[in-house]
Amino acid sequence: MLIVIGGGSGMIGRALAERLRDRGDRVVTLVRRTPAGADEIGWDPASGYLDPQALAGADAVINLSGASLAKLPWTRAYRTEILHSRVSATTAITGALHERARIGEPVAVLVSASAVGVYGSRPGEQLTEASAPGGGFLAEVVRAWEGAARAAPEATRVVLARTGLVIGPEGATAPVRTLARFGLAGPLGSGRQHWPWVSLHDEAAALVHLIDSELDGPVNIVGPHAATAGEVIRAVAHHEHRPYWLPAPAFAITAALGTAGRELLLADQRVIPAALAADGFAFRHDNVDAAVDDLD
């Protein structure tokens, strides 16, 4: 297959591209710099336009573009960038998809990154793909982001890959490991809020599964067994052979980080991968300890 990836330079994109190439697919990456070879095509996602020729012959497009949520603080300007970077990149891709469909060469599938932030903080609830959106900044971002993806042509199957915390060597896991290495790991707030997590291996494997399957619409990419923030951080501390002891009160997190603190660290989201489970996807890491143990 020929797979085009937007946002392929990040941790998830690199792992996905490696997995696709290992199974014999050709991967073309959309890049914002001057292309370095035949497997790269230049684009400017901020403009909201992508040359339709970039998708010529593609069997699937994977859209992972968007400003990092792990970059703190979320100033007013950066919140605008978080939203705009996702909507403009997705609009560029769906516009190119429409042009391919118009000339009779539709792309079969678009797998567009999304986030479990759409559910908001929902203590005591079990959240599946059928759950209604919640409130908050991230929920608003995801609704706009997914709305841009749903604008793809009818001939293209659209999958909205709602991902949680990806446990890998980079991204949101990295600062937790740094705190642990300095002996500063401990509960954030109560530590009992649920953090939807998934290993990097399973994230990439699930995205490949979504290319090949017939699933469409929202799909939660999270581990099969829920974990609390305390369990995730304790697992990281154990992995680094350091203690889990130093609490960070909720009021201090909110005072320091504002919206990011409330919605990234203190939100309670017990998210279930119902669609993947029903579609027969097999997780390599079914609990957070196994995912963390496989970091190195």
C-alpha atoms as a PDB file:
ATOM      1  CA  MET A   1       0.000   0.000   0.000  1.00  0.00           C
ATOM      2  CA  LEU A   2       0.972   3.650  -0.377  1.00  0.00           C
ATOM      3  CA  ILE A   3       0.385   5.504   2.884  1.00  0.00           C
ATOM      4  CA  VAL A   4       0.717   9.286   3.241  1.00  0.00           C
ATOM      5  CA  ILE A   5       1.394  10.597   6.751  1.00  0.00           C
ATOM      6  CA  GLY A   6       0.933  14.199   7.859  1.00  0.00           C
ATOM      7  CA  GLY A   7       2.728  14.994  11.106  1.00  0.00           C
ATOM      8  CA  GLY A   8       5.044  12.021  10.705  1.00  0.00           C
ATOM      9  CA  SER A   9       8.096  13.544  12.407  1.00  0.00           C
ATOM     10  CA  GLY A  10       6.811  13.041  15.952  1.00  0.00           C
ATOM     11  CA  MET A  11       7.157  10.004  18.202  1.00  0.00           C
ATOM     12  CA  ILE A  12       3.931   8.377  17.017  1.00  0.00           C
ATOM     13  CA  GLY A  13       4.535   9.176  13.356  1.00  0.00           C
ATOM     14  CA  ARG A  14       8.019   7.661  13.378  1.00  0.00           C
ATOM     15  CA  ALA A  15       6.841   4.489  15.103  1.00  0.00           C
ATOM     16  CA  LEU A  16       3.929   4.178  12.679  1.00  0.00           C
ATOM     17  CA  ALA A  17       6.089   4.708   9.596  1.00  0.00           C
ATOM     18  CA  GLU A  18       8.561   2.077  10.772  1.00  0.00           C
ATOM     19  CA  ARG A  19       5.773  -0.422  11.351  1.00  0.00           C
ATOM     20  CA  LEU A  20       4.244   0.210   7.927  1.00  0.00           C
ATOM     21  CA  ARG A  21       7.579  -0.108   6.138  1.00  0.00           C
ATOM     22  CA  ASP A  22       8.366  -3.307   8.029  1.00  0.00           C
ATOM     23  CA  ARG A  23       5.240  -4.911   6.565  1.00  0.00           C
ATOM     24  CA  GLY A  24       6.115  -3.764   3.048  1.00  0.00           C
ATOM     25  CA  ASP A  25       4.108  -0.572   2.615  1.00  0.00           C
ATOM     26  CA  ARG A  26       5.530   2.551   1.010  1.00  0.00           C
ATOM     27  CA  VAL A  27       5.304   5.583   3.292  1.00  0.00           C
ATOM     28  CA  VAL A  28       5.352   9.174   2.067  1.00  0.00           C
ATOM     29  CA  THR A  29       5.642  11.870   4.732  1.00  0.00           C
ATOM     30  CA  LEU A  30       4.349  15.425   4.408  1.00  0.00           C
ATOM     31  CA  VAL A  31       7.048  17.823   5.637  1.00  0.00           C
ATOM     32  CA  ARG A  32       7.143  21.554   6.246  1.00  0.00           C
ATOM     33  CA  ARG A  33      10.796  21.866   5.184  1.00  0.00           C
ATOM     34  CA  THR A  34      12.343  21.220   1.773  1.00  0.00           C
ATOM     35  CA  PRO A  35      11.779  17.522   0.931  1.00  0.00           C
ATOM     36  CA  ALA A  36      14.929  15.415   1.316  1.00  0.00           C
ATOM     37  CA  GLY A  37      13.920  12.563  -0.974  1.00  0.00           C
ATOM     38  CA  ALA A  38      11.221  10.829  -2.968  1.00  0.00           C
ATOM     39  CA  ASP A  39       9.430   9.721   0.207  1.00  0.00           C
ATOM     40  CA  GLU A  40       8.811  13.284   1.359  1.00  0.00           C
ATOM     41  CA  ILE A  41       6.440  15.913  -0.024  1.00  0.00           C
ATOM     42  CA  GLY A  42       6.401  19.531   1.102  1.00  0.00           C
ATOM     43  CA  TRP A  43       3.321  21.227   2.517  1.00  0.00           C
ATOM     44  CA  ASP A  44       2.319  24.183   4.641  1.00  0.00           C
ATOM     45  CA  PRO A  45      -0.397  22.917   7.003  1.00  0.00           C
ATOM     46  CA  ALA A  46      -0.926  26.363   8.512  1.00  0.00           C
ATOM     47  CA  SER A  47      -2.237  27.610   5.155  1.00  0.00           C
ATOM     48  CA  GLY A  48      -5.078  25.083   5.101  1.00  0.00           C
ATOM     49  CA  TYR A  49      -4.080  23.925   1.593  1.00  0.00           C
ATOM     50  CA  LEU A  50      -2.398  20.760   0.308  1.00  0.00           C
ATOM     51  CA  ASP A  51      -1.601  20.111  -3.348  1.00  0.00           C
ATOM     52  CA  PRO A  52      -3.927  17.224  -4.317  1.00  0.00           C
ATOM     53  CA  GLN A  53      -1.057  15.680  -6.295  1.00  0.00           C
ATOM     54  CA  ALA A  54       0.567  14.857  -2.945  1.00  0.00           C
ATOM     55  CA  LEU A  55      -2.120  12.195  -2.477  1.00  0.00           C
ATOM     56  CA  ALA A  56      -1.931  10.720  -5.982  1.00  0.00           C
ATOM     57  CA  GLY A  57      -2.060   6.928  -5.779  1.00  0.00           C
ATOM     58  CA  ALA A  58      -2.460   6.903  -1.995  1.00  0.00           C
ATOM     59  CA  ASP A  59      -4.412   4.062  -0.408  1.00  0.00           C
ATOM     60  CA  ALA A  60      -4.678   5.828   2.959  1.00  0.00           C
ATOM     61  CA  VAL A  61      -3.831   9.117   4.643  1.00  0.00           C
ATOM     62  CA  ILE A  62      -2.872   9.312   8.302  1.00  0.00           C
ATOM     63  CA  ASN A  63      -3.230  12.787   9.807  1.00  0.00           C
ATOM     64  CA  LEU A  64      -1.198  13.265  12.998  1.00  0.00           C
ATOM     65  CA  SER A  65      -0.572  17.003  12.688  1.00  0.00           C
ATOM     66  CA  GLY A  66      -1.039  19.375  15.589  1.00  0.00           C
ATOM     67  CA  ALA A  67       0.857  21.467  18.127  1.00  0.00           C
ATOM     68  CA  SER A  68       1.997  19.468  21.151  1.00  0.00           C
ATOM     69  CA  LEU A  69      -0.286  19.462  24.185  1.00  0.00           C
ATOM     70  CA  ALA A  70       2.721  18.687  26.380  1.00  0.00           C
ATOM     71  CA  LYS A  71       4.282  22.106  25.716  1.00  0.00           C
ATOM     72  CA  LEU A  72       3.556  24.276  28.727  1.00  0.00           C
ATOM     73  CA  PRO A  73       2.260  26.776  29.662  1.00  0.00           C
ATOM     74  CA  TRP A  74      -0.890  27.072  27.586  1.00  0.00           C
ATOM     75  CA  THR A  75      -0.890  30.808  27.086  1.00  0.00           C
ATOM     76  CA  ARG A  76      -3.785  32.393  25.227  1.00  0.00           C
ATOM     77  CA  ALA A  77      -1.632  32.468  22.076  1.00  0.00           C
ATOM     78  CA  TYR A  78      -0.633  28.833  22.447  1.00  0.00           C
ATOM     79  CA  ARG A  79      -4.232  27.721  22.983  1.00  0.00           C
ATOM     80  CA  THR A  80      -5.023  29.397  19.660  1.00  0.00           C
ATOM     81  CA  GLU A  81      -2.123  27.495  18.064  1.00  0.00           C
ATOM     82  CA  ILE A  82      -3.337  24.182  19.513  1.00  0.00           C
ATOM     83  CA  LEU A  83      -6.707  24.693  17.825  1.00  0.00           C
ATOM     84  CA  HIS A  84      -5.540  26.282  14.569  1.00  0.00           C
ATOM     85  CA  SER A  85      -2.746  23.777  13.932  1.00  0.00           C
ATOM     86  CA  ARG A  86      -5.197  20.890  14.083  1.00  0.00           C
ATOM     87  CA  VAL A  87      -8.062  22.393  12.124  1.00  0.00           C
ATOM     88  CA  SER A  88      -5.950  23.969   9.373  1.00  0.00           C
ATOM     89  CA  ALA A  89      -3.886  20.811   8.750  1.00  0.00           C
ATOM     90  CA  THR A  90      -6.990  18.635   8.671  1.00  0.00           C
ATOM     91  CA  THR A  91      -8.783  21.084   6.364  1.00  0.00           C
ATOM     92  CA  ALA A  92      -5.800  20.990   3.999  1.00  0.00           C
ATOM     93  CA  ILE A  93      -5.949  17.199   3.842  1.00  0.00           C
ATOM     94  CA  THR A  94      -9.711  16.940   3.379  1.00  0.00           C
ATOM     95  CA  GLY A  95      -9.566  19.596   0.658  1.00  0.00           C
ATOM     96  CA  ALA A  96      -6.991  17.521  -1.235  1.00  0.00           C
ATOM     97  CA  LEU A  97      -9.124  14.413  -0.689  1.00  0.00           C
ATOM     98  CA  HIS A  98     -12.081  16.163  -2.312  1.00  0.00           C
ATOM     99  CA  GLU A  99      -9.964  16.999  -5.352  1.00  0.00           C
ATOM    100  CA  ARG A 100      -8.828  13.377  -5.681  1.00  0.00           C
ATOM    101  CA  ALA A 101     -12.459  12.251  -5.472  1.00  0.00           C
ATOM    102  CA  ARG A 102     -13.542  14.871  -7.998  1.00  0.00           C
ATOM    103  CA  ILE A 103     -11.201  13.466 -10.662  1.00  0.00           C
ATOM    104  CA  GLY A 104     -12.321   9.921  -9.940  1.00  0.00           C
ATOM    105  CA  GLU A 105      -9.326   8.851  -7.835  1.00  0.00           C
ATOM    106  CA  PRO A 106     -10.643   8.859  -4.254  1.00  0.00           C
ATOM    107  CA  VAL A 107      -8.425   7.827  -1.352  1.00  0.00           C
ATOM    108  CA  ALA A 108      -9.995   4.892   0.465  1.00  0.00           C
ATOM    109  CA  VAL A 109      -9.384   5.902   4.075  1.00  0.00           C
ATOM    110  CA  LEU A 110      -8.435   8.861   6.261  1.00  0.00           C
ATOM    111  CA  VAL A 111      -7.294   8.057   9.797  1.00  0.00           C
ATOM    112  CA  SER A 112      -7.274  11.401  11.574  1.00  0.00           C
ATOM    113  CA  ALA A 113      -5.745  11.825  15.006  1.00  0.00           C
ATOM    114  CA  SER A 114      -8.059  12.956  17.767  1.00  0.00           C
ATOM    115  CA  ALA A 115      -7.998  12.889  21.568  1.00  0.00           C
ATOM    116  CA  VAL A 116      -9.879  11.533  24.568  1.00  0.00           C
ATOM    117  CA  GLY A 117     -10.023  15.157  25.716  1.00  0.00           C
ATOM    118  CA  VAL A 118     -13.336  15.296  23.845  1.00  0.00           C
ATOM    119  CA  TYR A 119     -15.012  13.614  26.834  1.00  0.00           C
ATOM    120  CA  GLY A 120     -13.991  16.233  29.387  1.00  0.00           C
ATOM    121  CA  SER A 121     -13.556  15.270  33.036  1.00  0.00           C
ATOM    122  CA  ARG A 122     -16.225  12.682  33.934  1.00  0.00           C
ATOM    123  CA  PRO A 123     -15.608  11.137  37.397  1.00  0.00           C
ATOM    124  CA  GLY A 124     -17.518   7.910  37.967  1.00  0.00           C
ATOM    125  CA  GLU A 125     -18.409   7.360  34.284  1.00  0.00           C
ATOM    126  CA  GLN A 126     -17.233   4.700  31.862  1.00  0.00           C
ATOM    127  CA  LEU A 127     -16.619   6.403  28.547  1.00  0.00           C
ATOM    128  CA  THR A 128     -16.932   4.664  25.175  1.00  0.00           C
ATOM    129  CA  GLU A 129     -17.150   5.954  21.633  1.00  0.00           C
ATOM    130  CA  ALA A 130     -20.909   6.304  22.166  1.00  0.00           C
ATOM    131  CA  SER A 131     -20.448   8.757  25.054  1.00  0.00           C
ATOM    132  CA  ALA A 132     -21.407  12.376  24.465  1.00  0.00           C
ATOM    133  CA  PRO A 133     -18.712  15.067  24.338  1.00  0.00           C
ATOM    134  CA  GLY A 134     -17.917  16.840  27.584  1.00  0.00           C
ATOM    135  CA  GLY A 135     -16.979  20.404  28.384  1.00  0.00           C
ATOM    136  CA  GLY A 136     -13.747  22.352  28.508  1.00  0.00           C
ATOM    137  CA  PHE A 137     -11.102  23.708  26.167  1.00  0.00           C
ATOM    138  CA  LEU A 138      -9.863  20.343  24.884  1.00  0.00           C
ATOM    139  CA  ALA A 139     -13.383  19.121  24.216  1.00  0.00           C
ATOM    140  CA  GLU A 140     -14.006  22.221  22.099  1.00  0.00           C
ATOM    141  CA  VAL A 141     -10.737  21.689  20.222  1.00  0.00           C
ATOM    142  CA  VAL A 142     -11.558  18.056  19.477  1.00  0.00           C
ATOM    143  CA  ARG A 143     -15.056  18.865  18.255  1.00  0.00           C
ATOM    144  CA  ALA A 144     -13.620  21.368  15.752  1.00  0.00           C
ATOM    145  CA  TRP A 145     -10.774  18.996  14.826  1.00  0.00           C
ATOM    146  CA  GLU A 146     -13.072  16.055  14.207  1.00  0.00           C
ATOM    147  CA  GLY A 147     -15.516  18.286  12.370  1.00  0.00           C
ATOM    148  CA  ALA A 148     -12.758  19.201   9.905  1.00  0.00           C
ATOM    149  CA  ALA A 149     -11.992  15.487   9.354  1.00  0.00           C
ATOM    150  CA  ARG A 150     -15.655  14.595   8.859  1.00  0.00           C
ATOM    151  CA  ALA A 151     -15.693  17.033   5.929  1.00  0.00           C
ATOM    152  CA  ALA A 152     -13.811  14.443   3.837  1.00  0.00           C
ATOM    153  CA  PRO A 153     -15.625  13.173   0.707  1.00  0.00           C
ATOM    154  CA  GLU A 154     -18.170  10.375   1.061  1.00  0.00           C
ATOM    155  CA  ALA A 155     -15.908   8.034  -0.909  1.00  0.00           C
ATOM    156  CA  THR A 156     -13.309   8.177   1.895  1.00  0.00           C
ATOM    157  CA  ARG A 157     -13.822   6.180   5.090  1.00  0.00           C
ATOM    158  CA  VAL A 158     -12.992   8.493   8.009  1.00  0.00           C
ATOM    159  CA  VAL A 159     -11.660   7.172  11.318  1.00  0.00           C
ATOM    160  CA  LEU A 160     -11.238   9.515  14.290  1.00  0.00           C
ATOM    161  CA  ALA A 161      -8.440   8.029  16.404  1.00  0.00           C
ATOM    162  CA  ARG A 162      -9.118   9.308  19.930  1.00  0.00           C
ATOM    163  CA  THR A 163      -5.822   8.743  21.724  1.00  0.00           C
ATOM    164  CA  GLY A 164      -4.921   9.014  25.380  1.00  0.00           C
ATOM    165  CA  LEU A 165      -1.524   9.362  27.087  1.00  0.00           C
ATOM    166  CA  VAL A 166       0.978   7.532  24.881  1.00  0.00           C
ATOM    167  CA  ILE A 167       3.625   5.856  27.020  1.00  0.00           C
ATOM    168  CA  GLY A 168       6.840   6.202  25.057  1.00  0.00           C
ATOM    169  CA  PRO A 169      10.340   7.693  25.293  1.00  0.00           C
ATOM    170  CA  GLU A 170       9.158  11.191  24.362  1.00  0.00           C
ATOM    171  CA  GLY A 171       6.035  13.309  24.724  1.00  0.00           C
ATOM    172  CA  ALA A 172       4.097  13.519  27.967  1.00  0.00           C
ATOM    173  CA  THR A 173       5.891  10.543  29.539  1.00  0.00           C
ATOM    174  CA  ALA A 174       9.298  12.258  29.405  1.00  0.00           C
ATOM    175  CA  PRO A 175       8.695  14.902  32.127  1.00  0.00           C
ATOM    176  CA  VAL A 176       7.207  12.252  34.430  1.00  0.00           C
ATOM    177  CA  ARG A 177      10.380  10.173  34.013  1.00  0.00           C
ATOM    178  CA  THR A 178      12.526  13.224  34.708  1.00  0.00           C
ATOM    179  CA  LEU A 179      10.662  13.955  37.947  1.00  0.00           C
ATOM    180  CA  ALA A 180      10.983  10.308  38.959  1.00  0.00           C
ATOM    181  CA  ARG A 181      14.731  10.265  38.296  1.00  0.00           C
ATOM    182  CA  PHE A 182      15.136  13.216  40.659  1.00  0.00           C
ATOM    183  CA  GLY A 183      13.078  11.434  43.315  1.00  0.00           C
ATOM    184  CA  LEU A 184      10.167  13.858  42.913  1.00  0.00           C
ATOM    185  CA  ALA A 185       7.420  11.476  41.763  1.00  0.00           C
ATOM    186  CA  GLY A 186       4.158  11.392  43.648  1.00  0.00           C
ATOM    187  CA  PRO A 187       0.402  11.809  43.354  1.00  0.00           C
ATOM    188  CA  LEU A 188      -0.973  14.715  41.317  1.00  0.00           C
ATOM    189  CA  GLY A 189      -3.995  15.963  43.196  1.00  0.00           C
ATOM    190  CA  SER A 190      -5.646  12.910  44.715  1.00  0.00           C
ATOM    191  CA  GLY A 191      -3.885  10.606  42.247  1.00  0.00           C
ATOM    192  CA  ARG A 192      -7.167   8.711  41.915  1.00  0.00           C
ATOM    193  CA  GLN A 193      -8.272  10.367  38.660  1.00  0.00           C
ATOM    194  CA  HIS A 194      -8.206   7.993  35.682  1.00  0.00           C
ATOM    195  CA  TRP A 195      -5.608   8.659  32.981  1.00  0.00           C
ATOM    196  CA  PRO A 196      -6.406   6.956  29.655  1.00  0.00           C
ATOM    197  CA  TRP A 197      -3.060   5.496  28.546  1.00  0.00           C
ATOM    198  CA  VAL A 198      -1.693   3.367  25.701  1.00  0.00           C
ATOM    199  CA  SER A 199       1.789   2.068  24.909  1.00  0.00           C
ATOM    200  CA  LEU A 200       3.600   3.467  21.878  1.00  0.00           C
ATOM    201  CA  HIS A 201       3.689  -0.018  20.367  1.00  0.00           C
ATOM    202  CA  ASP A 202      -0.067  -0.435  20.669  1.00  0.00           C
ATOM    203  CA  GLU A 203      -0.746   3.110  19.434  1.00  0.00           C
ATOM    204  CA  ALA A 204       1.137   2.406  16.198  1.00  0.00           C
ATOM    205  CA  ALA A 205      -0.363  -1.072  15.891  1.00  0.00           C
ATOM    206  CA  ALA A 206      -3.879   0.297  16.373  1.00  0.00           C
ATOM    207  CA  LEU A 207      -3.383   2.925  13.670  1.00  0.00           C
ATOM    208  CA  VAL A 208      -2.275   0.198  11.240  1.00  0.00           C
ATOM    209  CA  HIS A 209      -5.294  -1.871  12.288  1.00  0.00           C
ATOM    210  CA  LEU A 210      -7.566   1.072  11.506  1.00  0.00           C
ATOM    211  CA  ILE A 211      -6.132   1.366   8.000  1.00  0.00           C
ATOM    212  CA  ASP A 212      -6.991  -2.263   7.312  1.00  0.00           C
ATOM    213  CA  SER A 213     -10.304  -2.570   9.164  1.00  0.00           C
ATOM    214  CA  GLU A 214     -13.771  -1.346   8.223  1.00  0.00           C
ATOM    215  CA  LEU A 215     -14.205   0.787  11.340  1.00  0.00           C
ATOM    216  CA  ASP A 216     -15.230   4.394  10.895  1.00  0.00           C
ATOM    217  CA  GLY A 217     -16.053   7.343  13.110  1.00  0.00           C
ATOM    218  CA  PRO A 218     -14.608   7.677  16.637  1.00  0.00           C
ATOM    219  CA  VAL A 219     -12.283   4.930  17.903  1.00  0.00           C
ATOM    220  CA  ASN A 220     -10.708   5.128  21.371  1.00  0.00           C
ATOM    221  CA  ILE A 221      -7.031   4.137  21.319  1.00  0.00           C
ATOM    222  CA  VAL A 222      -6.379   3.471  25.004  1.00  0.00           C
ATOM    223  CA  GLY A 223      -5.164   0.471  26.963  1.00  0.00           C
ATOM    224  CA  PRO A 224      -7.741  -2.200  27.850  1.00  0.00           C
ATOM    225  CA  HIS A 225      -7.315  -1.852  31.619  1.00  0.00           C
ATOM    226  CA  ALA A 226      -7.861   1.603  33.076  1.00  0.00           C
ATOM    227  CA  ALA A 227      -5.240   3.128  35.380  1.00  0.00           C
ATOM    228  CA  THR A 228      -5.255   6.090  37.721  1.00  0.00           C
ATOM    229  CA  ALA A 229      -2.741   8.919  37.549  1.00  0.00           C
ATOM    230  CA  GLY A 230      -1.180   7.536  40.708  1.00  0.00           C
ATOM    231  CA  GLU A 231      -0.780   4.088  39.176  1.00  0.00           C
ATOM    232  CA  VAL A 232       0.829   5.518  36.036  1.00  0.00           C
ATOM    233  CA  ILE A 233       3.298   7.698  37.939  1.00  0.00           C
ATOM    234  CA  ARG A 234       4.043   4.956  40.482  1.00  0.00           C
ATOM    235  CA  ALA A 235       4.844   2.569  37.607  1.00  0.00           C
ATOM    236  CA  VAL A 236       7.245   5.129  36.114  1.00  0.00           C
ATOM    237  CA  ALA A 237       8.916   5.734  39.492  1.00  0.00           C
ATOM    238  CA  HIS A 238       9.308   1.976  39.994  1.00  0.00           C
ATOM    239  CA  HIS A 239      10.804   1.664  36.511  1.00  0.00           C
ATOM    240  CA  GLU A 240      13.378   4.329  37.420  1.00  0.00           C
ATOM    241  CA  HIS A 241      14.034   2.672  40.807  1.00  0.00           C
ATOM    242  CA  ARG A 242      12.957   5.805  42.607  1.00  0.00           C
ATOM    243  CA  PRO A 243      10.322   6.505  45.303  1.00  0.00           C
ATOM    244  CA  TYR A 244       6.721   7.586  44.775  1.00  0.00           C
ATOM    245  CA  TRP A 245       6.028   9.940  47.631  1.00  0.00           C
ATOM    246  CA  LEU A 246       5.926  13.675  46.882  1.00  0.00           C
ATOM    247  CA  PRO A 247       2.339  14.930  46.416  1.00  0.00           C
ATOM    248  CA  ALA A 248       1.402  17.918  44.277  1.00  0.00           C
ATOM    249  CA  PRO A 249      -1.884  19.395  45.570  1.00  0.00           C
ATOM    250  CA  ALA A 250      -4.607  20.081  43.022  1.00  0.00           C
ATOM    251  CA  PHE A 251      -4.764  23.786  43.932  1.00  0.00           C
ATOM    252  CA  ALA A 252      -1.023  24.157  43.258  1.00  0.00           C
ATOM    253  CA  ILE A 253      -1.287  22.411  39.883  1.00  0.00           C
ATOM    254  CA  THR A 254      -4.198  24.617  38.867  1.00  0.00           C
ATOM    255  CA  ALA A 255      -2.449  27.769  40.082  1.00  0.00           C
ATOM    256  CA  ALA A 256       0.721  26.910  38.153  1.00  0.00           C
ATOM    257  CA  LEU A 257      -0.743  25.497  34.944  1.00  0.00           C
ATOM    258  CA  GLY A 258      -4.337  26.738  34.722  1.00  0.00           C
ATOM    259  CA  THR A 259      -6.365  25.024  31.993  1.00  0.00           C
ATOM    260  CA  ALA A 260      -3.553  22.589  31.149  1.00  0.00           C
ATOM    261  CA  GLY A 261      -3.345  21.473  34.759  1.00  0.00           C
ATOM    262  CA  ARG A 262      -7.084  20.943  35.064  1.00  0.00           C
ATOM    263  CA  GLU A 263      -7.577  19.197  31.723  1.00  0.00           C
ATOM    264  CA  LEU A 264      -4.341  17.240  31.289  1.00  0.00           C
ATOM    265  CA  LEU A 265      -3.348  16.284  34.827  1.00  0.00           C
ATOM    266  CA  LEU A 266      -6.446  16.443  37.012  1.00  0.00           C
ATOM    267  CA  ALA A 267      -9.199  15.352  34.597  1.00  0.00           C
ATOM    268  CA  ASP A 268     -10.821  12.010  35.430  1.00  0.00           C
ATOM    269  CA  GLN A 269     -11.533   9.958  32.292  1.00  0.00           C
ATOM    270  CA  ARG A 270     -12.180   6.212  32.476  1.00  0.00           C
ATOM    271  CA  VAL A 271     -12.096   5.585  28.723  1.00  0.00           C
ATOM    272  CA  ILE A 272     -12.733   2.124  27.250  1.00  0.00           C
ATOM    273  CA  PRO A 273     -11.468   0.944  23.820  1.00  0.00           C
ATOM    274  CA  ALA A 274     -14.843  -0.568  22.981  1.00  0.00           C
ATOM    275  CA  ALA A 275     -14.607  -0.297  19.181  1.00  0.00           C
ATOM    276  CA  LEU A 276     -11.115  -1.796  18.974  1.00  0.00           C
ATOM    277  CA  ALA A 277     -12.059  -4.629  21.305  1.00  0.00           C
ATOM    278  CA  ALA A 278     -15.173  -5.463  19.267  1.00  0.00           C
ATOM    279  CA  ASP A 279     -13.068  -5.389  16.087  1.00  0.00           C
ATOM    280  CA  GLY A 280     -10.644  -8.005  17.420  1.00  0.00           C
ATOM    281  CA  PHE A 281      -7.613  -5.804  18.072  1.00  0.00           C
ATOM    282  CA  ALA A 282      -5.088  -7.487  20.379  1.00  0.00           C
ATOM    283  CA  PHE A 283      -3.052  -5.282  22.720  1.00  0.00           C
ATOM    284  CA  ARG A 284       0.545  -6.230  23.463  1.00  0.00           C
ATOM    285  CA  HIS A 285       0.489  -4.202  26.690  1.00  0.00           C
ATOM    286  CA  ASP A 286      -2.774  -4.740  28.533  1.00  0.00           C
ATOM    287  CA  ASN A 287      -1.755  -2.971  31.744  1.00  0.00           C
ATOM    288  CA  VAL A 288       0.213   0.164  32.498  1.00  0.00           C
ATOM    289  CA  ASP A 289       3.041  -1.632  34.306  1.00  0.00           C
ATOM    290  CA  ALA A 290       3.780  -3.730  31.216  1.00  0.00           C
ATOM    291  CA  ALA A 291       3.764  -0.606  29.040  1.00  0.00           C
ATOM    292  CA  VAL A 292       6.187   1.255  31.326  1.00  0.00           C
ATOM    293  CA  ASP A 293       8.474  -1.783  31.698  1.00  0.00           C
ATOM    294  CA  ASP A 294       8.867  -1.779  27.899  1.00  0.00           C
ATOM    295  CA  LEU A 295      10.026   1.855  27.740  1.00  0.00           C
ATOM    296  CA  ASP A 296      13.731   0.987  27.375  1.00  0.00           C
END
